[in-house]
Amino acid sequence: MEEEIADGGILSPFHNHPLYPTDDSSTPCVGCGEETAGKHACHICHEINVHKGCLEIINPSSPAHPLSLTDRFDDYIKCTICHWVFHRYMYYCSFSGLPVCKQCVRKPFILDPEKAHEHPLLIFLKGSFSFPCDACGVNDANSCLCLCIPCRFTIHMDCVYLPRVICVNRHDHRISHVPRLGSGNWSCGVCRKEVNGMYGAYSCLTCTFVVHSRCAIRSNVWDGIELEGVPEEDPANLLPFYVVEEGLIKHFTHEHNLRLVNEDDILHDISKQCYGCVLPIFFNSCYICTLCDFVLHETCANLSKKKRHPSESRRLTLYDEYYVNSLMRKGPFICFVCNQRCSGFAYVEDSERRDGLKIDVRCVSIYDGYVHKSQPHSMLVVPDNWSTCSICGKGGEHMWSLTGQDDLFMCYKCATIPELAMHKYDVHPLSLQFGEMAKGDYWCDICEKILDPQKWFYTCDLCCTTLHIDCVLGMEPYMRVGSTFHLKRFVLEVLSNYSASRPHCYTCSSRINDLIVYKSKDVYFCSLMCIKKSPKLDSGLYWSNMYDFTEPDLHLSNFFHDDS
């Protein structure tokens, strides 16, 4: 608000210096652009000429909140109404802070709604009044509201430009914005709260999936790509293999044909691991290579080439080889959501970065609505909140909540613990137990230490044995035995540690008790951390620079191989 001073001058927040009346009628007003008399000017800068009435404008679309002229010397600002970009002089709403250009500030704020409505819309800036938005159903006084009075249509200005067709990371199909869903019991596929069918929302035309308008366009849900007019991808391009003949396929990750072996014909070999998920091959149908030892679970062989996951808004692509960091290729990776090291297949984000985030195929199999056998509640994504897993007690951002149980959470690591396992200490399959109320402690038959029966553990019902999960699976359960990779000066091979004579670690000198060992020539290591600390490595190396690879070969079998 301007303040009058001596000699007819005024002080205004618009300018740092006093403004005094001037007889100059040839210089245009910076507020309205007219070359008329009655302006005030700065006698210090000699560059500001403005009508006193142009310093503050009352617009009929925002009568309660004046718009003040502002000098943003170094800025280029987009007008809220016409979306043109202007330099320096703009009007700003005293309540909402929204910029309006001098061409729009004196006219009723009219917006061309493009596809949101068939008639022009009258804009009211924030705080003028509020009604539920027909496009999103939210009554938000802090948003600009656009009205079509003849149609009694109300819409937030932000909702006018809602994308028409998008993909979200909670669903495999495209979803489209519809004016209203109609009657019915609708539940949002992101927040799981009720969706009012009388307002606009996003709906799948293939199934019954619906999402709140605002939930669908969140940055951690939508990848920001408008798909209206973009042809849908041919589903055949997402298939991971083609059928050669009945029971014989050619998978895109391997150069040889793979033959289907049914569950009843599988030899329960604990040392045979799936190249995709790295879990052993002993309970499920699988595809085996006709010429080498490459093997995939049937479920892993059917994984789509492209997939969406709640942890990343962009689509993920399945790779059998990937960049461990921005420069180096091949080697074990750290799963983005479970934080475990894995040497199997990875889903990698679609981006220009070669070292995009990676998620192992086990974690990708956990989806919104998944029901874990440990409890009857479906699992829902916890968006960007730090939570503590109710099973292992560890905290993290990538967590699942249990429907109807606000205080129960499960991390990806616990959610993907194999329900069945085998170990050399027992000839029978071991089943995962989800804790039980019992007096006293149990004992682990492997390490012979106390086992808390209220925590998860493995058991053999026939032998009445109880076993720690870590004792059964080992510290690195998803490192495939037989795989090799380079780590600085070492060419490392992952070997099983089931022999009676267990080697000593070269770095820490302790006897290696884990289920796998890392071997380089005649040297053994118990972990990658000990390799990092090895005196054979140069000191002062960063972990991200430790991978050093030769020219990459594009075939998985030339990198991951068995010496047998």
Protein backbone atom coordinates (compact mmCIF):
# COMPACT_ATOMS: atom_id res chain seq x y z
CA MET A 1 0.00 0.00 0.00
CA GLU A 2 1.47 3.34 -1.01
CA GLU A 3 2.12 6.19 1.45
CA GLU A 4 1.86 9.87 0.53
CA ILE A 5 4.80 12.18 1.31
CA ALA A 6 5.63 15.85 0.74
CA ASP A 7 5.44 17.50 -2.69
CA GLY A 8 2.79 15.01 -3.83
CA GLY A 9 5.21 12.12 -3.74
CA ILE A 10 4.42 8.57 -2.72
CA LEU A 11 6.30 5.68 -1.17
CA SER A 12 5.35 2.28 -2.53
CA PRO A 13 6.62 -1.28 -2.00
CA PHE A 14 6.78 -1.35 -5.79
CA HIS A 15 9.98 0.74 -5.84
CA ASN A 16 12.86 1.49 -3.48
CA HIS A 17 12.84 5.25 -4.11
CA PRO A 18 10.11 7.85 -3.69
CA LEU A 19 7.94 8.52 -6.73
CA TYR A 20 6.99 12.12 -7.59
CA PRO A 21 4.46 13.59 -10.04
CA THR A 22 5.81 14.17 -13.54
CA ASP A 23 4.62 16.12 -16.57
CA ASP A 24 6.08 13.51 -18.93
CA SER A 25 3.25 12.19 -21.11
CA SER A 26 5.37 10.47 -23.73
CA THR A 27 6.82 7.69 -21.57
CA PRO A 28 4.48 4.70 -21.17
CA CYS A 29 3.29 3.64 -17.74
CA VAL A 30 4.95 0.41 -16.63
CA GLY A 31 1.59 -0.72 -15.23
CA CYS A 32 -0.80 -0.16 -18.11
CA GLY A 33 1.48 0.80 -20.99
CA GLU A 34 -0.43 4.01 -21.81
CA GLU A 35 1.38 7.26 -22.68
CA THR A 36 -0.93 9.60 -20.76
CA ALA A 37 -0.34 12.32 -18.20
CA GLY A 38 -0.83 12.00 -14.45
CA LYS A 39 2.04 9.61 -13.82
CA HIS A 40 4.60 9.44 -11.03
CA ALA A 41 8.30 8.93 -11.73
CA CYS A 42 11.50 8.16 -9.91
CA HIS A 43 13.90 11.13 -10.01
CA ILE A 44 16.81 8.91 -9.01
CA CYS A 45 16.52 6.00 -11.46
CA HIS A 46 14.85 8.00 -14.24
CA GLU A 47 13.38 4.73 -15.53
CA ILE A 48 10.08 4.32 -13.66
CA ASN A 49 6.90 6.01 -14.87
CA VAL A 50 3.65 4.73 -13.39
CA HIS A 51 0.13 5.91 -12.76
CA LYS A 52 -0.75 5.95 -9.11
CA GLY A 53 -3.89 3.98 -9.91
CA CYS A 54 -1.79 1.30 -11.60
CA LEU A 55 0.14 0.45 -8.44
CA GLU A 56 -2.79 -1.57 -7.13
CA ILE A 57 -5.68 -3.08 -9.10
CA ILE A 58 -9.01 -4.51 -7.94
CA ASN A 59 -10.14 -7.19 -10.35
CA PRO A 60 -13.79 -8.38 -10.38
CA SER A 61 -12.61 -11.99 -10.25
CA SER A 62 -10.75 -11.33 -6.99
CA PRO A 63 -12.48 -8.36 -5.32
CA ALA A 64 -11.34 -9.19 -1.79
CA HIS A 65 -7.64 -9.33 -2.66
CA PRO A 66 -5.98 -6.44 -4.54
CA LEU A 67 -3.24 -7.15 -7.07
CA SER A 68 -0.07 -5.12 -6.53
CA LEU A 69 2.42 -4.11 -9.21
CA THR A 70 5.83 -5.66 -8.59
CA ASP A 71 9.23 -5.09 -10.19
CA ARG A 72 11.12 -8.37 -10.64
CA PHE A 73 14.16 -6.95 -12.44
CA ASP A 74 15.97 -10.21 -13.25
CA ASP A 75 12.98 -12.55 -13.56
CA TYR A 76 10.88 -13.97 -16.36
CA ILE A 77 7.45 -14.85 -14.98
CA LYS A 78 4.55 -16.81 -16.45
CA CYS A 79 1.12 -15.20 -16.15
CA THR A 80 -1.38 -17.32 -14.25
CA ILE A 81 -4.17 -16.44 -16.68
CA CYS A 82 -2.74 -16.40 -20.21
CA HIS A 83 0.45 -18.42 -19.51
CA TRP A 84 2.60 -16.02 -21.52
CA VAL A 85 6.02 -15.30 -20.04
CA PHE A 86 6.83 -11.67 -19.22
CA HIS A 87 9.93 -9.85 -18.03
CA ARG A 88 10.13 -7.70 -14.93
CA TYR A 89 6.75 -6.02 -14.30
CA MET A 90 3.92 -8.23 -13.04
CA TYR A 91 0.92 -7.97 -10.72
CA TYR A 92 0.73 -10.29 -7.75
CA CYS A 93 -2.35 -11.26 -5.75
CA SER A 94 -1.94 -10.08 -2.17
CA PHE A 95 -3.43 -13.32 -0.83
CA SER A 96 -2.35 -16.11 -3.15
CA GLY A 97 0.86 -14.58 -4.49
CA LEU A 98 -0.08 -15.64 -8.03
CA PRO A 99 1.35 -13.50 -10.87
CA VAL A 100 -0.92 -11.82 -13.43
CA CYS A 101 0.35 -9.80 -16.41
CA LYS A 102 -0.71 -6.20 -17.04
CA GLN A 103 -2.73 -7.28 -20.10
CA CYS A 104 -4.91 -9.63 -18.01
CA VAL A 105 -5.11 -7.79 -14.70
CA ARG A 106 -7.97 -5.42 -15.66
CA LYS A 107 -10.14 -7.97 -17.48
CA PRO A 108 -12.29 -10.66 -15.88
CA PHE A 109 -10.06 -13.69 -15.61
CA ILE A 110 -11.23 -15.99 -18.40
CA LEU A 111 -9.56 -19.30 -19.15
CA ASP A 112 -9.80 -21.48 -22.24
CA PRO A 113 -10.34 -24.89 -20.63
CA GLU A 114 -9.18 -26.84 -23.69
CA LYS A 115 -10.44 -30.40 -23.02
CA ALA A 116 -11.65 -29.90 -19.46
CA HIS A 117 -14.92 -28.18 -20.45
CA GLU A 118 -16.72 -27.01 -23.57
CA HIS A 119 -17.16 -23.36 -22.41
CA PRO A 120 -14.70 -20.66 -21.29
CA LEU A 121 -14.18 -20.55 -17.53
CA LEU A 122 -14.18 -17.56 -15.18
CA ILE A 123 -11.15 -17.66 -12.85
CA PHE A 124 -11.27 -16.69 -9.19
CA LEU A 125 -7.93 -16.49 -7.39
CA LYS A 126 -7.22 -18.31 -4.17
CA GLY A 127 -9.37 -17.54 -1.17
CA SER A 128 -12.24 -15.85 -3.03
CA PHE A 129 -14.57 -18.75 -2.17
CA SER A 130 -14.50 -22.54 -2.41
CA PHE A 131 -16.62 -25.33 -3.83
CA PRO A 132 -15.81 -28.99 -4.46
CA CYS A 133 -13.92 -29.33 -7.73
CA ASP A 134 -15.84 -31.39 -10.30
CA ALA A 135 -12.57 -32.85 -11.63
CA CYS A 136 -11.02 -34.03 -8.35
CA GLY A 137 -13.76 -33.77 -5.71
CA VAL A 138 -11.62 -31.75 -3.29
CA ASN A 139 -12.90 -28.57 -1.60
CA ASP A 140 -9.66 -26.60 -1.48
CA ALA A 141 -9.78 -22.87 -0.61
CA ASN A 142 -6.06 -22.57 -1.36
CA SER A 143 -6.49 -23.27 -5.07
CA CYS A 144 -7.71 -21.00 -7.85
CA LEU A 145 -11.24 -21.97 -8.80
CA CYS A 146 -12.64 -21.79 -12.34
CA LEU A 147 -16.37 -21.56 -12.96
CA CYS A 148 -18.74 -22.09 -15.84
CA ILE A 149 -21.84 -20.39 -14.46
CA PRO A 150 -24.36 -21.66 -17.07
CA CYS A 151 -23.26 -25.27 -16.52
CA ARG A 152 -22.65 -24.88 -12.78
CA PHE A 153 -19.27 -26.44 -13.44
CA THR A 154 -16.42 -25.80 -10.99
CA ILE A 155 -12.82 -26.88 -11.41
CA HIS A 156 -9.48 -25.97 -9.84
CA MET A 157 -7.16 -24.19 -12.23
CA ASP A 158 -4.57 -26.93 -11.68
CA CYS A 159 -7.17 -29.57 -12.56
CA VAL A 160 -7.98 -27.89 -15.87
CA TYR A 161 -4.71 -29.27 -17.20
CA LEU A 162 -4.97 -32.77 -15.74
CA PRO A 163 -3.50 -35.30 -18.19
CA ARG A 164 -6.14 -37.30 -19.99
CA VAL A 165 -4.40 -40.69 -20.26
CA ILE A 166 -1.50 -41.85 -18.05
CA CYS A 167 0.20 -44.87 -16.52
CA VAL A 168 0.80 -45.13 -12.77
CA ASN A 169 3.11 -47.45 -10.87
CA ARG A 170 0.26 -49.19 -9.08
CA HIS A 171 -1.31 -50.70 -12.19
CA ASP A 172 -0.27 -52.39 -15.42
CA HIS A 173 -2.91 -50.81 -17.69
CA ARG A 174 -3.35 -47.24 -18.82
CA ILE A 175 -5.88 -45.15 -16.89
CA SER A 176 -8.00 -42.29 -18.26
CA HIS A 177 -9.55 -39.28 -16.53
CA VAL A 178 -13.35 -39.48 -16.58
CA PRO A 179 -15.84 -36.72 -15.54
CA ARG A 180 -17.44 -39.04 -12.98
CA LEU A 181 -17.41 -42.71 -12.05
CA GLY A 182 -21.08 -42.99 -11.17
CA SER A 183 -22.63 -44.86 -8.28
CA GLY A 184 -20.74 -47.70 -6.67
CA ASN A 185 -18.26 -48.52 -3.93
CA TRP A 186 -14.98 -47.20 -5.30
CA SER A 187 -11.62 -47.43 -3.55
CA CYS A 188 -8.52 -45.49 -4.65
CA GLY A 189 -5.74 -47.75 -5.93
CA VAL A 190 -3.10 -45.50 -4.34
CA CYS A 191 -4.36 -44.26 -0.94
CA ARG A 192 -7.07 -46.97 -0.54
CA LYS A 193 -9.60 -44.38 0.65
CA GLU A 194 -13.11 -44.03 -0.77
CA VAL A 195 -13.55 -42.36 -4.17
CA ASN A 196 -16.72 -40.31 -4.59
CA GLY A 197 -18.22 -41.45 -7.87
CA MET A 198 -19.96 -38.10 -8.44
CA TYR A 199 -16.66 -36.36 -9.18
CA GLY A 200 -13.87 -36.86 -11.68
CA ALA A 201 -11.25 -39.58 -11.21
CA TYR A 202 -8.93 -41.83 -13.15
CA SER A 203 -10.35 -45.14 -14.28
CA CYS A 204 -9.00 -48.18 -16.11
CA LEU A 205 -11.01 -49.08 -19.19
CA THR A 206 -9.82 -52.69 -18.99
CA CYS A 207 -10.67 -53.48 -15.36
CA THR A 208 -12.20 -51.84 -12.27
CA PHE A 209 -9.07 -50.00 -11.07
CA VAL A 210 -9.74 -46.35 -10.08
CA VAL A 211 -7.59 -43.60 -8.53
CA HIS A 212 -8.28 -40.18 -7.06
CA SER A 213 -7.35 -37.43 -9.53
CA ARG A 214 -4.78 -35.96 -7.15
CA CYS A 215 -3.37 -39.33 -6.09
CA ALA A 216 -2.78 -40.36 -9.70
CA ILE A 217 -0.54 -37.39 -10.58
CA ARG A 218 1.70 -37.51 -7.52
CA SER A 219 5.37 -37.46 -8.49
CA ASN A 220 6.02 -40.83 -6.82
CA VAL A 221 3.10 -42.45 -8.68
CA TRP A 222 3.03 -40.95 -12.20
CA ASP A 223 6.06 -40.67 -14.48
CA GLY A 224 4.88 -37.33 -15.88
CA ILE A 225 4.16 -38.65 -19.39
CA GLU A 226 0.82 -37.82 -21.07
CA LEU A 227 -0.24 -40.75 -23.24
CA GLU A 228 -3.30 -39.34 -25.01
CA GLY A 229 -2.87 -39.99 -28.72
CA VAL A 230 0.11 -42.28 -28.13
CA PRO A 231 -0.53 -45.80 -29.46
CA GLU A 232 -0.36 -48.56 -26.87
CA GLU A 233 2.67 -50.81 -26.99
CA ASP A 234 2.18 -54.17 -28.64
CA PRO A 235 1.87 -56.71 -25.78
CA ALA A 236 3.95 -59.13 -27.87
CA ASN A 237 6.96 -56.83 -27.40
CA LEU A 238 6.81 -57.42 -23.65
CA LEU A 239 6.93 -61.21 -23.87
CA PRO A 240 10.26 -62.57 -22.58
CA PHE A 241 10.39 -65.58 -24.91
CA TYR A 242 8.88 -67.19 -27.96
CA VAL A 243 7.80 -70.81 -28.21
CA VAL A 244 9.98 -73.01 -30.40
CA GLU A 245 7.76 -76.02 -29.91
CA GLU A 246 5.73 -77.50 -27.10
CA GLY A 247 7.86 -77.43 -23.92
CA LEU A 248 10.74 -75.62 -25.66
CA ILE A 249 11.30 -71.84 -25.63
CA LYS A 250 13.90 -69.26 -26.63
CA HIS A 251 14.32 -66.73 -23.78
CA PHE A 252 15.71 -63.27 -24.51
CA THR A 253 18.37 -63.59 -21.78
CA HIS A 254 20.02 -66.72 -23.16
CA GLU A 255 21.44 -67.80 -26.51
CA HIS A 256 20.25 -71.42 -26.31
CA ASN A 257 16.81 -73.00 -26.23
CA LEU A 258 15.31 -73.85 -22.83
CA ARG A 259 13.32 -77.00 -22.12
CA LEU A 260 10.50 -77.14 -19.58
CA VAL A 261 10.94 -79.57 -16.69
CA ASN A 262 7.84 -80.21 -14.62
CA GLU A 263 7.89 -80.14 -10.84
CA ASP A 264 7.56 -83.90 -10.52
CA ASP A 265 10.69 -84.48 -12.67
CA ILE A 266 13.01 -82.11 -10.80
CA LEU A 267 15.94 -83.49 -8.86
CA HIS A 268 16.03 -81.62 -5.58
CA ASP A 269 19.56 -80.29 -5.94
CA ILE A 270 20.34 -77.56 -3.40
CA SER A 271 23.34 -76.41 -5.44
CA LYS A 272 21.27 -75.63 -8.56
CA GLN A 273 20.09 -72.01 -8.51
CA CYS A 274 17.81 -70.06 -10.82
CA TYR A 275 19.72 -67.45 -12.85
CA GLY A 276 16.81 -65.03 -12.39
CA CYS A 277 15.87 -65.00 -8.70
CA VAL A 278 18.94 -67.01 -7.48
CA LEU A 279 16.70 -69.24 -5.34
CA PRO A 280 17.42 -72.98 -5.50
CA ILE A 281 15.67 -75.21 -8.03
CA PHE A 282 13.93 -77.86 -5.99
CA PHE A 283 10.23 -77.11 -5.58
CA ASN A 284 8.94 -75.57 -8.80
CA SER A 285 8.81 -76.25 -12.52
CA CYS A 286 11.74 -74.76 -14.40
CA TYR A 287 13.33 -74.27 -17.80
CA ILE A 288 16.78 -75.75 -18.31
CA CYS A 289 19.21 -75.08 -21.13
CA THR A 290 19.64 -77.87 -23.65
CA LEU A 291 23.36 -77.11 -24.08
CA CYS A 292 24.67 -75.64 -20.79
CA ASP A 293 23.74 -75.32 -17.13
CA PHE A 294 21.55 -72.20 -17.47
CA VAL A 295 18.26 -72.66 -15.61
CA LEU A 296 15.22 -70.51 -14.81
CA HIS A 297 12.16 -71.09 -12.68
CA GLU A 298 9.06 -71.18 -14.85
CA THR A 299 7.76 -68.09 -13.01
CA CYS A 300 11.04 -66.23 -13.63
CA ALA A 301 11.01 -67.20 -17.30
CA ASN A 302 7.54 -65.63 -17.61
CA LEU A 303 8.53 -62.27 -16.10
CA SER A 304 7.55 -59.42 -18.42
CA LYS A 305 10.31 -57.39 -20.09
CA LYS A 306 8.71 -54.21 -18.74
CA LYS A 307 7.07 -53.69 -15.39
CA ARG A 308 5.96 -50.98 -13.00
CA HIS A 309 6.72 -50.97 -9.30
CA PRO A 310 5.45 -48.80 -6.40
CA SER A 311 8.99 -47.72 -5.46
CA GLU A 312 9.62 -45.90 -8.77
CA SER A 313 7.30 -43.77 -10.92
CA ARG A 314 9.09 -44.70 -14.15
CA ARG A 315 8.71 -48.05 -15.83
CA LEU A 316 11.34 -50.71 -15.15
CA THR A 317 13.06 -52.92 -17.72
CA LEU A 318 14.23 -56.48 -17.07
CA TYR A 319 17.94 -57.06 -17.66
CA ASP A 320 20.20 -60.04 -17.21
CA GLU A 321 23.19 -57.68 -17.34
CA TYR A 322 23.32 -54.14 -15.98
CA TYR A 323 25.64 -51.37 -14.95
CA VAL A 324 26.75 -51.66 -11.33
CA ASN A 325 27.60 -47.96 -11.36
CA SER A 326 27.85 -45.20 -13.98
CA LEU A 327 30.99 -46.66 -15.58
CA MET A 328 31.20 -50.32 -14.71
CA ARG A 329 29.15 -53.23 -15.98
CA LYS A 330 28.41 -56.64 -14.51
CA GLY A 331 28.71 -57.86 -10.96
CA PRO A 332 26.37 -58.13 -7.95
CA PHE A 333 24.02 -55.21 -7.33
CA ILE A 334 22.26 -53.87 -4.25
CA CYS A 335 18.47 -54.11 -4.57
CA PHE A 336 16.93 -50.65 -4.20
CA VAL A 337 14.10 -51.76 -1.92
CA CYS A 338 15.39 -54.70 0.16
CA ASN A 339 19.04 -53.51 0.31
CA GLN A 340 20.35 -57.03 -0.26
CA ARG A 341 23.12 -57.99 -2.65
CA CYS A 342 22.02 -60.06 -5.63
CA SER A 343 23.67 -61.57 -8.72
CA GLY A 344 20.46 -62.49 -10.56
CA PHE A 345 18.24 -60.59 -12.98
CA ALA A 346 17.32 -56.98 -12.20
CA TYR A 347 14.54 -54.61 -13.13
CA VAL A 348 16.23 -51.29 -13.94
CA GLU A 349 14.55 -47.90 -14.23
CA ASP A 350 14.03 -46.54 -17.74
CA SER A 351 16.30 -43.49 -17.77
CA GLU A 352 19.31 -42.07 -19.55
CA ARG A 353 21.46 -42.95 -16.54
CA ARG A 354 23.24 -46.24 -17.13
CA ASP A 355 23.40 -46.92 -13.39
CA GLY A 356 19.70 -46.46 -12.67
CA LEU A 357 18.15 -48.03 -9.59
CA LYS A 358 17.78 -51.81 -9.66
CA ILE A 359 15.19 -54.07 -8.05
CA ASP A 360 15.60 -57.82 -7.92
CA VAL A 361 12.88 -60.02 -9.36
CA ARG A 362 11.82 -61.33 -5.95
CA CYS A 363 10.92 -57.84 -4.69
CA VAL A 364 9.14 -56.96 -7.93
CA SER A 365 6.84 -59.91 -7.30
CA ILE A 366 5.45 -58.16 -4.18
CA TYR A 367 2.57 -55.99 -5.36
CA ASP A 368 -0.16 -53.77 -3.92
CA GLY A 369 -2.81 -56.04 -2.40
CA TYR A 370 -0.43 -58.99 -1.99
CA VAL A 371 -1.35 -61.24 0.93
CA HIS A 372 1.58 -62.73 2.84
CA LYS A 373 1.05 -66.11 4.48
CA SER A 374 2.11 -64.74 7.86
CA GLN A 375 -1.18 -62.83 8.25
CA PRO A 376 -4.59 -62.44 6.55
CA HIS A 377 -4.27 -58.75 5.69
CA SER A 378 -3.39 -57.45 2.23
CA MET A 379 -0.26 -55.35 1.91
CA LEU A 380 -0.35 -51.69 0.92
CA VAL A 381 2.48 -49.38 -0.06
CA VAL A 382 3.68 -46.89 2.57
CA PRO A 383 4.51 -43.80 0.44
CA ASP A 384 7.82 -42.09 1.27
CA ASN A 385 7.53 -42.52 5.01
CA TRP A 386 10.17 -43.90 7.32
CA SER A 387 8.66 -46.90 9.10
CA THR A 388 9.92 -49.76 11.23
CA CYS A 389 9.37 -53.35 10.12
CA SER A 390 7.25 -55.24 12.65
CA ILE A 391 9.11 -58.47 11.84
CA CYS A 392 12.83 -57.64 11.94
CA GLY A 393 12.68 -54.26 13.71
CA LYS A 394 14.72 -52.45 11.06
CA GLY A 395 13.62 -49.09 9.70
CA GLY A 396 13.43 -47.87 6.11
CA GLU A 397 11.49 -45.92 3.50
CA HIS A 398 10.44 -48.92 1.40
CA MET A 399 7.84 -50.56 3.56
CA TRP A 400 4.44 -52.22 3.29
CA SER A 401 1.57 -51.60 5.69
CA LEU A 402 -1.08 -54.19 6.48
CA THR A 403 -4.70 -53.34 5.72
CA GLY A 404 -6.61 -52.36 8.84
CA GLN A 405 -3.46 -52.61 10.97
CA ASP A 406 -2.02 -49.08 11.24
CA ASP A 407 0.84 -50.19 13.49
CA LEU A 408 2.00 -53.24 11.47
CA PHE A 409 4.61 -52.91 8.73
CA MET A 410 6.70 -55.34 6.70
CA CYS A 411 9.91 -54.64 4.80
CA TYR A 412 10.79 -56.20 1.44
CA LYS A 413 13.52 -58.33 2.97
CA CYS A 414 11.07 -60.06 5.31
CA ALA A 415 8.29 -60.22 2.72
CA THR A 416 10.54 -62.16 0.32
CA ILE A 417 12.02 -64.72 2.73
CA PRO A 418 11.47 -68.11 1.01
CA GLU A 419 8.62 -70.03 2.59
CA LEU A 420 10.41 -73.32 1.81
CA ALA A 421 14.14 -73.98 2.00
CA MET A 422 16.64 -76.79 2.27
CA HIS A 423 19.90 -77.19 4.17
CA LYS A 424 22.52 -79.92 4.37
CA TYR A 425 21.75 -80.43 8.08
CA ASP A 426 18.31 -81.82 7.21
CA VAL A 427 17.26 -84.01 4.27
CA HIS A 428 13.68 -82.74 4.36
CA PRO A 429 12.26 -79.43 3.14
CA LEU A 430 12.21 -76.71 5.81
CA SER A 431 9.11 -74.57 6.23
CA LEU A 432 9.09 -70.96 7.41
CA GLN A 433 7.28 -70.43 10.72
CA PHE A 434 5.96 -66.98 11.56
CA GLY A 435 6.51 -67.10 15.30
CA GLU A 436 4.53 -68.85 17.96
CA MET A 437 3.66 -68.33 21.59
CA ALA A 438 5.81 -70.71 23.60
CA LYS A 439 7.33 -70.82 27.03
CA GLY A 440 11.09 -70.77 27.14
CA ASP A 441 13.56 -70.67 24.27
CA TYR A 442 14.21 -72.95 21.33
CA TRP A 443 17.64 -73.95 20.07
CA CYS A 444 18.98 -73.69 16.55
CA ASP A 445 20.25 -77.09 15.35
CA ILE A 446 22.88 -75.45 13.12
CA CYS A 447 24.63 -72.88 15.31
CA GLU A 448 23.41 -74.42 18.60
CA LYS A 449 22.44 -71.02 19.94
CA ILE A 450 19.17 -69.78 21.45
CA LEU A 451 16.28 -69.21 19.02
CA ASP A 452 13.41 -66.89 20.00
CA PRO A 453 10.20 -68.80 19.09
CA GLN A 454 8.22 -65.56 18.82
CA LYS A 455 10.33 -64.53 15.84
CA TRP A 456 10.29 -66.13 12.40
CA PHE A 457 12.33 -69.32 12.01
CA TYR A 458 12.60 -72.47 9.89
CA THR A 459 11.50 -75.87 11.09
CA CYS A 460 11.31 -79.46 9.91
CA ASP A 461 8.08 -81.04 11.10
CA LEU A 462 9.41 -84.56 10.56
CA CYS A 463 12.64 -84.08 12.50
CA CYS A 464 11.29 -81.48 14.97
CA THR A 465 14.27 -79.23 14.30
CA THR A 466 14.25 -75.44 14.63
CA LEU A 467 16.69 -73.25 12.73
CA HIS A 468 17.57 -69.56 12.49
CA ILE A 469 16.68 -68.02 9.14
CA ASP A 470 20.22 -66.66 8.69
CA CYS A 471 21.69 -70.06 9.49
CA VAL A 472 19.59 -71.69 6.77
CA LEU A 473 19.94 -69.02 4.08
CA GLY A 474 23.37 -67.60 4.93
CA MET A 475 24.43 -63.96 5.02
CA GLU A 476 24.35 -63.56 1.21
CA PRO A 477 21.47 -65.83 0.12
CA TYR A 478 21.06 -64.24 -3.31
CA MET A 479 24.63 -64.57 -4.60
CA ARG A 480 24.55 -67.36 -7.16
CA VAL A 481 27.11 -70.11 -6.66
CA GLY A 482 29.30 -70.40 -9.74
CA SER A 483 28.98 -66.75 -10.76
CA THR A 484 32.14 -64.72 -11.32
CA PHE A 485 32.89 -61.01 -11.37
CA HIS A 486 35.83 -58.62 -11.26
CA LEU A 487 36.56 -56.53 -8.19
CA LYS A 488 39.58 -54.31 -8.77
CA ARG A 489 42.58 -56.66 -9.07
CA PHE A 490 40.61 -59.78 -8.23
CA VAL A 491 38.65 -62.10 -10.49
CA LEU A 492 36.23 -63.53 -7.94
CA GLU A 493 34.19 -66.70 -8.08
CA VAL A 494 31.31 -67.46 -5.75
CA LEU A 495 31.63 -71.01 -4.35
CA SER A 496 29.54 -73.06 -1.94
CA ASN A 497 31.03 -73.65 1.48
CA TYR A 498 29.60 -77.09 2.19
CA SER A 499 32.88 -78.99 2.36
CA ALA A 500 34.07 -80.49 5.64
CA SER A 501 37.26 -78.40 5.56
CA ARG A 502 36.31 -74.74 5.55
CA PRO A 503 38.88 -72.17 4.38
CA HIS A 504 40.18 -69.14 6.24
CA CYS A 505 39.50 -65.59 5.06
CA TYR A 506 42.62 -63.96 3.64
CA THR A 507 41.79 -60.58 5.24
CA CYS A 508 40.36 -61.32 8.70
CA SER A 509 41.98 -64.80 9.09
CA SER A 510 38.80 -66.24 10.57
CA ARG A 511 37.41 -69.57 9.41
CA ILE A 512 34.60 -68.93 6.94
CA ASN A 513 31.31 -70.29 8.30
CA ASP A 514 28.90 -68.74 5.81
CA LEU A 515 27.29 -70.85 3.07
CA ILE A 516 29.34 -69.20 0.32
CA VAL A 517 32.95 -68.06 -0.08
CA TYR A 518 34.62 -65.73 -2.55
CA LYS A 519 37.69 -67.20 -4.24
CA SER A 520 40.38 -65.49 -6.28
CA LYS A 521 43.03 -67.93 -7.48
CA ASP A 522 44.20 -69.59 -4.24
CA VAL A 523 42.87 -66.86 -1.92
CA TYR A 524 39.51 -67.00 -0.09
CA PHE A 525 37.41 -64.20 1.39
CA CYS A 526 34.41 -64.36 3.70
CA SER A 527 32.68 -61.22 2.39
CA LEU A 528 32.98 -58.37 -0.10
CA MET A 529 33.81 -56.10 2.83
CA CYS A 530 36.89 -58.18 3.58
CA ILE A 531 37.83 -58.00 -0.09
CA LYS A 532 37.56 -54.24 0.14
CA LYS A 533 39.85 -54.23 3.21
CA SER A 534 42.32 -56.66 1.71
CA PRO A 535 45.97 -55.47 1.81
CA LYS A 536 46.21 -56.59 -1.81
CA LEU A 537 43.98 -53.67 -2.76
CA ASP A 538 45.28 -50.11 -3.01
CA SER A 539 44.31 -48.09 0.06
CA GLY A 540 41.88 -45.18 -0.06
CA LEU A 541 39.58 -46.66 -2.71
CA TYR A 542 35.94 -45.68 -2.75
CA TRP A 543 33.37 -48.46 -2.84
CA SER A 544 31.75 -47.07 -5.98
CA ASN A 545 35.06 -47.27 -7.84
CA MET A 546 35.91 -50.82 -6.85
CA TYR A 547 34.30 -52.51 -9.82
CA ASP A 548 36.74 -52.85 -12.67
CA PHE A 549 35.65 -54.83 -15.70
CA THR A 550 37.01 -55.88 -19.03
CA GLU A 551 35.19 -55.19 -22.28
CA PRO A 552 31.62 -56.37 -21.63
CA ASP A 553 30.26 -59.41 -23.42
CA LEU A 554 26.54 -59.23 -24.07
CA HIS A 555 25.77 -62.85 -23.18
CA LEU A 556 24.96 -63.84 -19.62
CA SER A 557 26.57 -67.26 -19.91
CA ASN A 558 29.93 -65.70 -20.76
CA PHE A 559 29.92 -63.81 -17.48
CA PHE A 560 28.07 -66.04 -15.00
CA HIS A 561 29.45 -69.53 -15.51
CA ASP A 562 30.13 -72.74 -13.66
CA ASP A 563 33.49 -74.43 -13.80
CA SER A 564 32.02 -77.89 -13.59
